[in-house]
Amino acid sequence: MKHLFFILLLVPLGLAKAQAQQTTPTKTPVELKAGRMQAQVKPAANRPDVPPQFPGGAAGLNQFFQQNLKYPEAAGVKQISGHVVMTFTVEADGHLTNPSVVQPLSPECDTEALRVMGQMPAWKPATRKGQPVPIQVRLPVPFGVSEGLEVEQGKSKFE
């Protein structure tokens, strides 16, 4: 009987000690402040600090399209206008690889957009922590019947 009493007395003491050892000190929460970038605990390996850029920026890209893009005659007859949305990879050396049409307009316009992508000069590559990294870019290629077609201005879209 004494042994049972002694065991019942020690068991609660052992449990209390085990619970005290399991508690870990609480970490202070990270305070997010508006307008400031916070370091990520596990940043994505392909997320650039600086996005890739066409030589000459948006104005240079607009000029490149105006000089090199030929509006297909078949599309002119059908009066097709709009954008062929392309994706491609800007490699670490700035060259473009893997061009593909993700949002087609017409077979003629899609073919012309692929042809023009093949003539495009090397871009300034994206960088992450100062090192160039390859990144996929989504770019609308404009087609229309009007003169002086402008490239859409806005935020860059990366995937």
Protein backbone atom coordinates (compact mmCIF):
# COMPACT_ATOMS: atom_id res chain seq x y z
CA MET A 1 0.00 0.00 0.00
CA LYS A 2 2.88 2.33 0.82
CA HIS A 3 4.32 1.70 -2.65
CA LEU A 4 1.07 2.58 -4.34
CA PHE A 5 0.81 5.80 -2.34
CA PHE A 6 4.42 6.67 -3.20
CA ILE A 7 3.84 5.96 -6.92
CA LEU A 8 0.68 8.09 -7.00
CA LEU A 9 2.61 10.92 -5.35
CA LEU A 10 5.51 10.82 -7.86
CA VAL A 11 3.46 10.53 -11.07
CA PRO A 12 1.90 14.05 -10.87
CA LEU A 13 5.29 15.55 -10.02
CA GLY A 14 6.87 13.87 -13.05
CA LEU A 15 4.10 15.11 -15.38
CA ALA A 16 4.42 18.68 -14.13
CA LYS A 17 8.17 18.61 -14.70
CA ALA A 18 7.75 17.19 -18.24
CA GLN A 19 5.24 19.94 -19.11
CA ALA A 20 7.60 22.63 -17.82
CA GLN A 21 10.38 21.30 -20.07
CA GLN A 22 8.14 21.24 -23.17
CA THR A 23 7.18 24.92 -23.04
CA THR A 24 9.32 26.96 -25.40
CA PRO A 25 9.91 30.67 -25.16
CA THR A 26 7.47 32.57 -27.35
CA LYS A 27 8.87 34.46 -30.33
CA THR A 28 7.94 38.07 -30.75
CA PRO A 29 5.77 38.54 -33.84
CA VAL A 30 7.25 40.18 -36.92
CA GLU A 31 5.78 43.64 -37.37
CA LEU A 32 4.96 44.49 -40.99
CA LYS A 33 5.25 48.17 -41.77
CA ALA A 34 3.54 49.79 -44.74
CA GLY A 35 5.88 50.79 -47.56
CA ARG A 36 8.75 48.58 -46.42
CA MET A 37 9.74 45.26 -47.90
CA GLN A 38 10.21 42.48 -45.38
CA ALA A 39 12.74 39.72 -45.82
CA GLN A 40 11.08 36.39 -46.48
CA VAL A 41 11.88 33.42 -44.27
CA LYS A 42 12.10 31.16 -47.33
CA PRO A 43 12.25 33.37 -50.45
CA ALA A 44 11.41 31.80 -53.79
CA ALA A 45 14.54 30.87 -55.72
CA ASN A 46 13.26 32.36 -58.98
CA ARG A 47 11.83 35.65 -57.69
CA PRO A 48 14.02 38.49 -58.98
CA ASP A 49 14.91 41.68 -57.16
CA VAL A 50 15.12 43.53 -60.50
CA PRO A 51 12.89 42.46 -63.44
CA PRO A 52 14.27 41.89 -66.95
CA GLN A 53 14.13 44.86 -69.30
CA PHE A 54 14.11 45.35 -73.05
CA PRO A 55 16.98 47.61 -74.22
CA GLY A 56 15.48 51.10 -74.19
CA GLY A 57 12.58 50.15 -71.90
CA ALA A 58 8.94 50.33 -72.97
CA ALA A 59 9.68 53.04 -75.54
CA GLY A 60 12.38 50.87 -77.13
CA LEU A 61 10.03 47.89 -77.22
CA ASN A 62 7.32 50.00 -78.88
CA GLN A 63 9.81 51.21 -81.48
CA PHE A 64 11.03 47.64 -82.09
CA PHE A 65 7.47 46.45 -82.76
CA GLN A 66 6.74 49.38 -85.08
CA GLN A 67 9.89 48.70 -87.12
CA ASN A 68 9.76 44.89 -87.28
CA LEU A 69 6.15 43.80 -86.96
CA LYS A 70 4.39 43.32 -90.29
CA TYR A 71 0.61 43.23 -90.17
CA PRO A 72 -0.41 40.07 -92.10
CA GLU A 73 -2.52 40.72 -95.23
CA ALA A 74 -4.97 37.94 -94.32
CA ALA A 75 -5.53 39.58 -90.94
CA GLY A 76 -6.03 42.93 -92.68
CA VAL A 77 -8.73 41.47 -94.92
CA LYS A 78 -10.52 40.06 -91.84
CA GLN A 79 -9.86 43.36 -89.96
CA ILE A 80 -8.35 41.53 -86.99
CA SER A 81 -6.85 43.64 -84.23
CA GLY A 82 -5.75 42.89 -80.71
CA HIS A 83 -2.81 41.26 -78.95
CA VAL A 84 -1.07 37.93 -79.27
CA VAL A 85 0.11 37.12 -75.75
CA MET A 86 3.50 35.44 -75.76
CA THR A 87 5.61 33.85 -73.06
CA PHE A 88 9.34 33.35 -73.25
CA THR A 89 12.29 32.98 -70.92
CA VAL A 90 14.88 35.71 -70.55
CA GLU A 91 17.98 33.69 -69.71
CA ALA A 92 20.76 34.85 -67.37
CA ASP A 93 22.76 36.06 -70.40
CA GLY A 94 19.75 38.06 -71.71
CA HIS A 95 18.89 35.87 -74.70
CA LEU A 96 15.30 34.76 -75.25
CA THR A 97 14.36 31.09 -75.28
CA ASN A 98 11.19 29.00 -75.42
CA PRO A 99 8.84 31.50 -77.10
CA SER A 100 5.26 30.31 -77.21
CA VAL A 101 1.79 31.72 -77.83
CA VAL A 102 -0.44 31.52 -74.76
CA GLN A 103 -3.31 33.66 -76.06
CA PRO A 104 -3.69 33.41 -79.84
CA LEU A 105 -5.35 36.02 -82.05
CA SER A 106 -5.28 34.37 -85.50
CA PRO A 107 -2.92 31.85 -87.10
CA GLU A 108 -1.33 34.58 -89.27
CA CYS A 109 -0.78 36.97 -86.35
CA ASP A 110 0.53 34.16 -84.13
CA THR A 111 3.10 33.19 -86.77
CA GLU A 112 4.18 36.83 -87.20
CA ALA A 113 4.53 37.25 -83.43
CA LEU A 114 6.79 34.18 -83.26
CA ARG A 115 8.87 35.51 -86.18
CA VAL A 116 9.36 38.87 -84.46
CA MET A 117 10.31 37.15 -81.17
CA GLY A 118 13.09 35.40 -83.09
CA GLN A 119 14.48 38.79 -84.21
CA MET A 120 14.28 40.42 -80.77
CA PRO A 121 17.64 41.51 -79.32
CA ALA A 122 18.94 40.30 -75.98
CA TRP A 123 17.28 41.85 -72.92
CA LYS A 124 18.90 43.08 -69.74
CA PRO A 125 18.41 39.99 -67.52
CA ALA A 126 16.58 39.91 -64.21
CA THR A 127 18.78 39.89 -61.13
CA ARG A 128 18.44 38.35 -57.69
CA LYS A 129 20.91 39.49 -55.04
CA GLY A 130 23.01 41.03 -57.81
CA GLN A 131 23.25 37.80 -59.83
CA PRO A 132 21.47 37.40 -63.22
CA VAL A 133 18.72 34.77 -63.16
CA PRO A 134 16.50 33.30 -65.89
CA ILE A 135 12.84 34.26 -65.65
CA GLN A 136 9.70 33.69 -67.70
CA VAL A 137 8.06 36.80 -69.17
CA ARG A 138 4.53 37.29 -70.51
CA LEU A 139 4.35 39.92 -73.26
CA PRO A 140 1.46 41.13 -75.44
CA VAL A 141 2.41 41.66 -79.10
CA PRO A 142 0.10 44.31 -80.63
CA PHE A 143 -1.70 43.88 -83.95
CA GLY A 144 -4.16 46.37 -85.39
CA VAL A 145 -5.38 48.19 -88.47
CA SER A 146 -4.65 51.66 -87.07
CA GLU A 147 -1.41 53.58 -87.42
CA GLY A 148 0.83 54.32 -84.44
CA LEU A 149 -0.10 51.32 -82.34
CA GLU A 150 1.13 51.74 -78.76
CA VAL A 151 2.42 49.03 -76.45
CA GLU A 152 0.32 48.76 -73.31
CA GLN A 153 1.95 50.63 -70.43
CA GLY A 154 1.60 49.25 -66.93
CA LYS A 155 3.10 46.92 -64.43
CA SER A 156 5.33 44.12 -65.65
CA LYS A 157 3.82 40.68 -65.36
CA PHE A 158 6.07 37.81 -64.36
CA GLU A 159 5.26 34.16 -63.80
